[in-house]
Amino acid sequence: MASFKAVVLKHQMRGDATFGIKIRLTHNRWSRYINTDLVATKSDITKSLKLKNHFFIDETENIIKKYRDICNKNAFLLKGMEIGQVLDLITKYLIFTFVLYFLLSLHLLLCHLTLT
């Protein structure tokens, strides 16, 4: 089964002394990193590069929950998948969900406009 953890990588410190927060995906002893839009400063992390700012902890837990939900819905497929396939499953599922939500919102907006 795939596991997830929010991480900050020391070697990826930016020029302005900030760190991009990543989600580490581990599956069958292989790891890949998923970028997030979250950026932490040195005051947001410990010396051992663990998150200490509760905002970032909560946000990454929400992201990880979404990833786990996707994996749980497709648990029967995960056993036979390689790490790249699991990563593709997660990203494509998220894109599909976003497009579906967008189309549904657009449909509701058009229905509302035609009724008024």
N, C-alpha and C. Protein backbone atom coordinates (compact mmCIF):
# COMPACT_ATOMS: atom_id res chain seq x y z
N MET A 1 0.84 -1.19 0.00
CA MET A 1 0.00 0.00 0.00
C MET A 1 0.88 1.24 0.00
N ALA A 2 0.42 2.25 -0.63
CA ALA A 2 1.15 3.51 -0.71
C ALA A 2 1.07 4.27 0.61
N SER A 3 2.14 4.96 0.94
CA SER A 3 2.13 5.83 2.13
C SER A 3 2.60 7.22 1.73
N PHE A 4 2.23 8.19 2.54
CA PHE A 4 2.49 9.59 2.22
C PHE A 4 3.05 10.30 3.44
N LYS A 5 3.94 11.27 3.19
CA LYS A 5 4.48 12.08 4.27
C LYS A 5 4.88 13.44 3.70
N ALA A 6 4.57 14.49 4.45
CA ALA A 6 4.99 15.84 4.06
C ALA A 6 6.46 16.00 4.44
N VAL A 7 7.25 16.51 3.50
CA VAL A 7 8.69 16.65 3.74
C VAL A 7 9.20 17.98 3.19
N VAL A 8 10.33 18.39 3.77
CA VAL A 8 11.08 19.55 3.29
C VAL A 8 12.48 19.04 3.00
N LEU A 9 12.98 19.31 1.80
CA LEU A 9 14.30 18.81 1.41
C LEU A 9 15.33 19.93 1.50
N LYS A 10 16.38 19.67 2.27
CA LYS A 10 17.40 20.69 2.52
C LYS A 10 18.08 21.15 1.24
N HIS A 11 18.38 20.22 0.36
CA HIS A 11 19.10 20.57 -0.86
C HIS A 11 18.25 21.37 -1.85
N GLN A 12 16.98 21.54 -1.55
CA GLN A 12 16.11 22.33 -2.42
C GLN A 12 15.72 23.67 -1.81
N MET A 13 16.58 24.17 -0.91
CA MET A 13 16.34 25.50 -0.36
C MET A 13 16.50 26.52 -1.48
N ARG A 14 15.58 27.45 -1.55
CA ARG A 14 15.60 28.47 -2.60
C ARG A 14 16.53 29.61 -2.20
N GLY A 15 16.80 30.48 -3.13
CA GLY A 15 17.69 31.60 -2.90
C GLY A 15 17.22 32.56 -1.82
N ASP A 16 15.93 32.63 -1.60
CA ASP A 16 15.38 33.52 -0.57
C ASP A 16 15.20 32.80 0.77
N ALA A 17 15.90 31.69 0.95
CA ALA A 17 15.89 30.90 2.19
C ALA A 17 14.52 30.32 2.51
N THR A 18 13.75 29.97 1.49
CA THR A 18 12.47 29.30 1.68
C THR A 18 12.57 27.88 1.12
N PHE A 19 11.64 27.05 1.53
CA PHE A 19 11.64 25.66 1.11
C PHE A 19 10.27 25.31 0.54
N GLY A 20 10.26 24.63 -0.58
CA GLY A 20 9.01 24.10 -1.11
C GLY A 20 8.65 22.84 -0.34
N ILE A 21 7.41 22.74 0.07
CA ILE A 21 6.96 21.55 0.81
C ILE A 21 6.49 20.53 -0.21
N LYS A 22 6.94 19.30 -0.04
CA LYS A 22 6.60 18.22 -0.95
C LYS A 22 5.90 17.11 -0.17
N ILE A 23 5.19 16.28 -0.89
CA ILE A 23 4.59 15.08 -0.31
C ILE A 23 5.38 13.90 -0.86
N ARG A 24 5.96 13.11 0.05
CA ARG A 24 6.69 11.92 -0.39
C ARG A 24 5.71 10.76 -0.50
N LEU A 25 5.65 10.16 -1.68
CA LEU A 25 4.84 8.98 -1.93
C LEU A 25 5.79 7.78 -1.90
N THR A 26 5.49 6.80 -1.07
CA THR A 26 6.30 5.58 -1.00
C THR A 26 5.39 4.40 -1.30
N HIS A 27 5.85 3.55 -2.22
CA HIS A 27 5.07 2.37 -2.62
C HIS A 27 6.06 1.28 -3.01
N ASN A 28 5.93 0.13 -2.39
CA ASN A 28 6.82 -1.01 -2.66
C ASN A 28 8.30 -0.61 -2.57
N ARG A 29 8.64 0.13 -1.54
CA ARG A 29 10.01 0.57 -1.23
C ARG A 29 10.59 1.57 -2.22
N TRP A 30 9.78 2.13 -3.07
CA TRP A 30 10.20 3.18 -3.99
C TRP A 30 9.55 4.48 -3.56
N SER A 31 10.23 5.60 -3.79
CA SER A 31 9.69 6.91 -3.40
C SER A 31 9.69 7.87 -4.58
N ARG A 32 8.68 8.71 -4.58
CA ARG A 32 8.58 9.83 -5.51
C ARG A 32 8.06 11.01 -4.71
N TYR A 33 8.33 12.21 -5.20
CA TYR A 33 7.91 13.43 -4.52
C TYR A 33 6.88 14.16 -5.35
N ILE A 34 5.84 14.64 -4.68
CA ILE A 34 4.78 15.39 -5.33
C ILE A 34 4.88 16.83 -4.82
N ASN A 35 5.02 17.77 -5.74
CA ASN A 35 5.11 19.18 -5.37
C ASN A 35 3.79 19.68 -4.82
N THR A 36 3.88 20.63 -3.91
CA THR A 36 2.71 21.37 -3.46
C THR A 36 2.97 22.84 -3.73
N ASP A 37 1.97 23.66 -3.54
CA ASP A 37 2.13 25.11 -3.71
C ASP A 37 2.57 25.77 -2.41
N LEU A 38 2.82 24.98 -1.39
CA LEU A 38 3.18 25.52 -0.08
C LEU A 38 4.67 25.81 0.00
N VAL A 39 4.99 26.96 0.60
CA VAL A 39 6.39 27.37 0.76
C VAL A 39 6.61 27.74 2.23
N ALA A 40 7.62 27.11 2.84
CA ALA A 40 7.91 27.33 4.25
C ALA A 40 9.21 28.12 4.40
N THR A 41 9.26 28.93 5.44
CA THR A 41 10.50 29.63 5.78
C THR A 41 11.22 28.85 6.87
N LYS A 42 12.42 29.30 7.22
CA LYS A 42 13.18 28.60 8.26
C LYS A 42 12.44 28.59 9.60
N SER A 43 11.64 29.62 9.86
CA SER A 43 10.90 29.67 11.12
C SER A 43 9.73 28.68 11.16
N ASP A 44 9.35 28.14 10.00
CA ASP A 44 8.24 27.20 9.92
C ASP A 44 8.67 25.75 10.10
N ILE A 45 9.97 25.51 10.15
CA ILE A 45 10.47 24.14 10.25
C ILE A 45 11.48 24.03 11.39
N THR A 46 11.71 22.81 11.84
CA THR A 46 12.69 22.57 12.89
C THR A 46 14.07 22.42 12.25
N LYS A 47 15.09 22.30 13.08
CA LYS A 47 16.45 22.10 12.55
C LYS A 47 16.58 20.79 11.79
N SER A 48 15.75 19.82 12.16
CA SER A 48 15.77 18.54 11.45
C SER A 48 14.82 18.53 10.25
N LEU A 49 14.37 19.72 9.83
CA LEU A 49 13.53 19.92 8.64
C LEU A 49 12.13 19.30 8.75
N LYS A 50 11.59 19.25 9.94
CA LYS A 50 10.21 18.81 10.13
C LYS A 50 9.33 20.05 10.26
N LEU A 51 8.13 19.95 9.75
CA LEU A 51 7.20 21.09 9.83
C LEU A 51 6.78 21.33 11.27
N LYS A 52 6.79 22.59 11.69
CA LYS A 52 6.30 22.93 13.03
C LYS A 52 5.17 23.95 12.99
N ASN A 53 4.99 24.62 11.88
CA ASN A 53 3.90 25.57 11.71
C ASN A 53 2.60 24.79 11.50
N HIS A 54 1.62 25.01 12.36
CA HIS A 54 0.38 24.23 12.31
C HIS A 54 -0.42 24.47 11.03
N PHE A 55 -0.29 25.63 10.44
CA PHE A 55 -0.97 25.87 9.17
C PHE A 55 -0.48 24.88 8.12
N PHE A 56 0.83 24.73 8.00
CA PHE A 56 1.40 23.81 7.01
C PHE A 56 1.11 22.35 7.35
N ILE A 57 1.12 22.04 8.63
CA ILE A 57 0.80 20.68 9.05
C ILE A 57 -0.64 20.34 8.66
N ASP A 58 -1.56 21.24 8.94
CA ASP A 58 -2.98 21.01 8.59
C ASP A 58 -3.18 20.92 7.08
N GLU A 59 -2.54 21.83 6.34
CA GLU A 59 -2.70 21.83 4.89
C GLU A 59 -2.16 20.55 4.26
N THR A 60 -0.99 20.12 4.70
CA THR A 60 -0.41 18.89 4.14
C THR A 60 -1.22 17.67 4.55
N GLU A 61 -1.80 17.68 5.75
CA GLU A 61 -2.66 16.57 6.16
C GLU A 61 -3.91 16.49 5.28
N ASN A 62 -4.45 17.64 4.90
CA ASN A 62 -5.60 17.66 3.99
C ASN A 62 -5.23 17.10 2.62
N ILE A 63 -4.07 17.48 2.12
CA ILE A 63 -3.60 16.97 0.83
C ILE A 63 -3.40 15.46 0.91
N ILE A 64 -2.74 15.02 1.97
CA ILE A 64 -2.46 13.59 2.13
C ILE A 64 -3.77 12.80 2.27
N LYS A 65 -4.76 13.38 2.94
CA LYS A 65 -6.05 12.70 3.06
C LYS A 65 -6.68 12.49 1.69
N LYS A 66 -6.59 13.49 0.82
CA LYS A 66 -7.12 13.34 -0.54
C LYS A 66 -6.39 12.21 -1.28
N TYR A 67 -5.06 12.19 -1.16
CA TYR A 67 -4.27 11.14 -1.82
C TYR A 67 -4.63 9.76 -1.28
N ARG A 68 -4.78 9.65 0.03
CA ARG A 68 -5.14 8.35 0.63
C ARG A 68 -6.53 7.91 0.19
N ASP A 69 -7.45 8.85 0.10
CA ASP A 69 -8.81 8.51 -0.37
C ASP A 69 -8.76 7.93 -1.78
N ILE A 70 -7.97 8.54 -2.64
CA ILE A 70 -7.82 8.04 -4.01
C ILE A 70 -7.25 6.63 -3.99
N CYS A 71 -6.22 6.42 -3.20
CA CYS A 71 -5.60 5.09 -3.12
C CYS A 71 -6.55 4.07 -2.52
N ASN A 72 -7.30 4.45 -1.51
CA ASN A 72 -8.25 3.52 -0.90
C ASN A 72 -9.36 3.12 -1.87
N LYS A 73 -9.81 4.06 -2.70
CA LYS A 73 -10.84 3.75 -3.68
C LYS A 73 -10.33 2.80 -4.76
N ASN A 74 -9.02 2.78 -4.95
CA ASN A 74 -8.41 1.95 -5.98
C ASN A 74 -7.44 0.93 -5.40
N ALA A 75 -7.70 0.50 -4.17
CA ALA A 75 -6.76 -0.38 -3.45
C ALA A 75 -6.52 -1.69 -4.20
N PHE A 76 -7.53 -2.21 -4.86
CA PHE A 76 -7.37 -3.47 -5.58
C PHE A 76 -6.39 -3.35 -6.75
N LEU A 77 -6.19 -2.15 -7.26
CA LEU A 77 -5.26 -1.93 -8.37
C LEU A 77 -3.82 -1.70 -7.89
N LEU A 78 -3.67 -1.15 -6.70
CA LEU A 78 -2.36 -0.70 -6.23
C LEU A 78 -1.33 -1.82 -6.10
N LYS A 79 -1.76 -3.01 -5.72
CA LYS A 79 -0.81 -4.10 -5.49
C LYS A 79 0.03 -4.39 -6.73
N GLY A 80 -0.57 -4.31 -7.88
CA GLY A 80 0.14 -4.62 -9.11
C GLY A 80 0.80 -3.43 -9.79
N MET A 81 0.71 -2.27 -9.17
CA MET A 81 1.23 -1.05 -9.79
C MET A 81 2.65 -0.73 -9.34
N GLU A 82 3.38 -0.10 -10.24
CA GLU A 82 4.67 0.47 -9.88
C GLU A 82 4.44 1.89 -9.39
N ILE A 83 5.48 2.48 -8.82
CA ILE A 83 5.36 3.81 -8.20
C ILE A 83 4.89 4.87 -9.21
N GLY A 84 5.40 4.83 -10.42
CA GLY A 84 5.00 5.80 -11.43
C GLY A 84 3.53 5.70 -11.79
N GLN A 85 3.02 4.49 -11.80
CA GLN A 85 1.61 4.27 -12.09
C GLN A 85 0.72 4.80 -10.97
N VAL A 86 1.18 4.63 -9.73
CA VAL A 86 0.42 5.16 -8.59
C VAL A 86 0.38 6.68 -8.67
N LEU A 87 1.53 7.28 -8.97
CA LEU A 87 1.60 8.74 -9.12
C LEU A 87 0.68 9.22 -10.24
N ASP A 88 0.68 8.52 -11.36
CA ASP A 88 -0.22 8.87 -12.46
C ASP A 88 -1.69 8.75 -12.05
N LEU A 89 -2.01 7.70 -11.32
CA LEU A 89 -3.38 7.51 -10.85
C LEU A 89 -3.84 8.69 -10.01
N ILE A 90 -2.99 9.12 -9.09
CA ILE A 90 -3.35 10.23 -8.20
C ILE A 90 -3.53 11.52 -9.00
N THR A 91 -2.56 11.85 -9.85
CA THR A 91 -2.63 13.12 -10.58
C THR A 91 -3.79 13.13 -11.59
N LYS A 92 -4.00 12.03 -12.28
CA LYS A 92 -5.10 11.98 -13.25
C LYS A 92 -6.46 12.03 -12.57
N TYR A 93 -6.57 11.39 -11.42
CA TYR A 93 -7.82 11.42 -10.66
C TYR A 93 -8.12 12.84 -10.21
N LEU A 94 -7.09 13.55 -9.74
CA LEU A 94 -7.29 14.94 -9.31
C LEU A 94 -7.69 15.83 -10.47
N ILE A 95 -7.07 15.64 -11.62
CA ILE A 95 -7.41 16.43 -12.81
C ILE A 95 -8.85 16.13 -13.24
N PHE A 96 -9.20 14.85 -13.26
CA PHE A 96 -10.55 14.45 -13.64
C PHE A 96 -11.59 15.06 -12.70
N THR A 97 -11.31 15.03 -11.41
CA THR A 97 -12.23 15.60 -10.42
C THR A 97 -12.39 17.09 -10.62
N PHE A 98 -11.27 17.79 -10.89
CA PHE A 98 -11.33 19.23 -11.12
C PHE A 98 -12.16 19.54 -12.36
N VAL A 99 -11.94 18.83 -13.44
CA VAL A 99 -12.68 19.07 -14.69
C VAL A 99 -14.16 18.78 -14.49
N LEU A 100 -14.46 17.69 -13.80
CA LEU A 100 -15.86 17.34 -13.53
C LEU A 100 -16.53 18.43 -12.70
N TYR A 101 -15.87 18.90 -11.67
CA TYR A 101 -16.41 19.97 -10.82
C TYR A 101 -16.62 21.25 -11.64
N PHE A 102 -15.66 21.58 -12.49
CA PHE A 102 -15.76 22.77 -13.33
C PHE A 102 -16.95 22.67 -14.28
N LEU A 103 -17.10 21.52 -14.92
CA LEU A 103 -18.21 21.35 -15.86
C LEU A 103 -19.56 21.38 -15.15
N LEU A 104 -19.63 20.79 -13.98
CA LEU A 104 -20.86 20.84 -13.21
C LEU A 104 -21.20 22.27 -12.80
N SER A 105 -20.20 23.02 -12.37
CA SER A 105 -20.42 24.43 -12.00
C SER A 105 -20.87 25.24 -13.20
N LEU A 106 -20.26 25.00 -14.34
CA LEU A 106 -20.63 25.69 -15.56
C LEU A 106 -22.07 25.36 -15.95
N HIS A 107 -22.43 24.10 -15.84
CA HIS A 107 -23.80 23.67 -16.16
C HIS A 107 -24.80 24.37 -15.24
N LEU A 108 -24.51 24.41 -13.95
CA LEU A 108 -25.42 25.07 -13.00
C LEU A 108 -25.53 26.56 -13.29
N LEU A 109 -24.43 27.19 -13.65
CA LEU A 109 -24.44 28.61 -13.99
C LEU A 109 -25.30 28.85 -15.24
N LEU A 110 -25.13 28.02 -16.25
CA LEU A 110 -25.92 28.19 -17.47
C LEU A 110 -27.40 27.95 -17.22
N CYS A 111 -27.71 26.97 -16.38
CA CYS A 111 -29.12 26.71 -16.04
C CYS A 111 -29.71 27.91 -15.29
N HIS A 112 -28.93 28.48 -14.41
CA HIS A 112 -29.39 29.65 -13.65
C HIS A 112 -29.62 30.85 -14.58
N LEU A 113 -28.73 31.03 -15.54
CA LEU A 113 -28.87 32.16 -16.47
C LEU A 113 -30.07 31.99 -17.38
N THR A 114 -30.37 30.75 -17.78
CA THR A 114 -31.50 30.55 -18.67
C THR A 114 -32.83 30.68 -17.93
N LEU A 115 -32.83 30.45 -16.62
CA LEU A 115 -34.05 30.59 -15.84
C LEU A 115 -34.39 32.03 -15.51
N THR A 116 -33.39 32.89 -15.54
CA THR A 116 -33.64 34.30 -15.17
C THR A 116 -33.85 35.17 -16.37
